[in-house]
């Protein structure tokens, strides 16, 4: 017994209305913290 395959449809994802995407938002939040940690960490001599 065979069942008909459902018609393929692309997944409908709601697009953000405005503002940066999630990836760029994460980069904007984490990049300054990483740079600050690299600059402020104590230097070993």
C-alpha atoms as a PDB file:
ATOM      1  CA  UNK A   1       0.000   0.000   0.000  1.00  0.00           C
ATOM      2  CA  UNK A   2       1.496   3.329  -1.010  1.00  0.00           C
ATOM      3  CA  UNK A   3       0.656   6.739   0.307  1.00  0.00           C
ATOM      4  CA  UNK A   4       0.878   9.875  -1.830  1.00  0.00           C
ATOM      5  CA  UNK A   5       3.773  12.086  -0.854  1.00  0.00           C
ATOM      6  CA  UNK A   6       2.800  15.542   0.373  1.00  0.00           C
ATOM      7  CA  UNK A   7       3.536  18.361  -2.033  1.00  0.00           C
ATOM      8  CA  UNK A   8       6.812  20.022  -1.086  1.00  0.00           C
ATOM      9  CA  UNK A   9       6.535  23.560   0.159  1.00  0.00           C
ATOM     10  CA  UNK A  10       9.335  25.778   1.372  1.00  0.00           C
ATOM     11  CA  UNK A  11       9.082  26.470   5.073  1.00  0.00           C
ATOM     12  CA  UNK A  12       7.434  29.797   5.661  1.00  0.00           C
ATOM     13  CA  UNK A  13       9.569  31.847   8.036  1.00  0.00           C
ATOM     14  CA  UNK A  14       8.365  35.272   9.058  1.00  0.00           C
ATOM     15  CA  UNK A  15      10.947  37.827   8.039  1.00  0.00           C
ATOM     16  CA  UNK A  16      11.989  40.438  10.583  1.00  0.00           C
ATOM     17  CA  UNK A  17      10.149  43.661   9.959  1.00  0.00           C
ATOM     18  CA  UNK A  18      13.123  45.882  10.652  1.00  0.00           C
ATOM     19  CA  UNK A  19      16.430  45.956  12.441  1.00  0.00           C
ATOM     20  CA  UNK A  20      19.582  43.898  12.058  1.00  0.00           C
ATOM     21  CA  UNK A  21      19.511  40.142  11.735  1.00  0.00           C
ATOM     22  CA  UNK A  22      20.180  37.856  14.677  1.00  0.00           C
ATOM     23  CA  UNK A  23      23.758  37.104  13.595  1.00  0.00           C
ATOM     24  CA  UNK A  24      24.760  40.726  13.199  1.00  0.00           C
ATOM     25  CA  UNK A  25      23.102  41.551  16.506  1.00  0.00           C
ATOM     26  CA  UNK A  26      25.141  38.862  18.278  1.00  0.00           C
ATOM     27  CA  UNK A  27      28.334  40.148  16.641  1.00  0.00           C
ATOM     28  CA  UNK A  28      27.528  43.698  17.717  1.00  0.00           C
ATOM     29  CA  UNK A  29      27.065  42.519  21.295  1.00  0.00           C
ATOM     30  CA  UNK A  30      30.003  40.126  21.604  1.00  0.00           C
ATOM     31  CA  UNK A  31      32.742  41.838  19.587  1.00  0.00           C
ATOM     32  CA  UNK A  32      33.266  44.782  21.993  1.00  0.00           C
ATOM     33  CA  UNK A  33      33.343  42.390  24.952  1.00  0.00           C
ATOM     34  CA  UNK A  34      35.981  40.217  23.292  1.00  0.00           C
ATOM     35  CA  UNK A  35      38.127  43.210  22.390  1.00  0.00           C
ATOM     36  CA  UNK A  36      37.803  44.677  25.882  1.00  0.00           C
ATOM     37  CA  UNK A  37      38.785  41.371  27.478  1.00  0.00           C
ATOM     38  CA  UNK A  38      41.816  41.106  25.198  1.00  0.00           C
ATOM     39  CA  UNK A  39      42.924  44.672  25.963  1.00  0.00           C
ATOM     40  CA  UNK A  40      42.240  44.657  29.700  1.00  0.00           C
ATOM     41  CA  UNK A  41      43.697  41.269  30.600  1.00  0.00           C
ATOM     42  CA  UNK A  42      46.918  41.463  32.583  1.00  0.00           C
ATOM     43  CA  UNK A  43      50.066  41.020  30.549  1.00  0.00           C
ATOM     44  CA  UNK A  44      52.482  38.350  31.749  1.00  0.00           C
ATOM     45  CA  UNK A  45      56.150  39.385  31.645  1.00  0.00           C
END
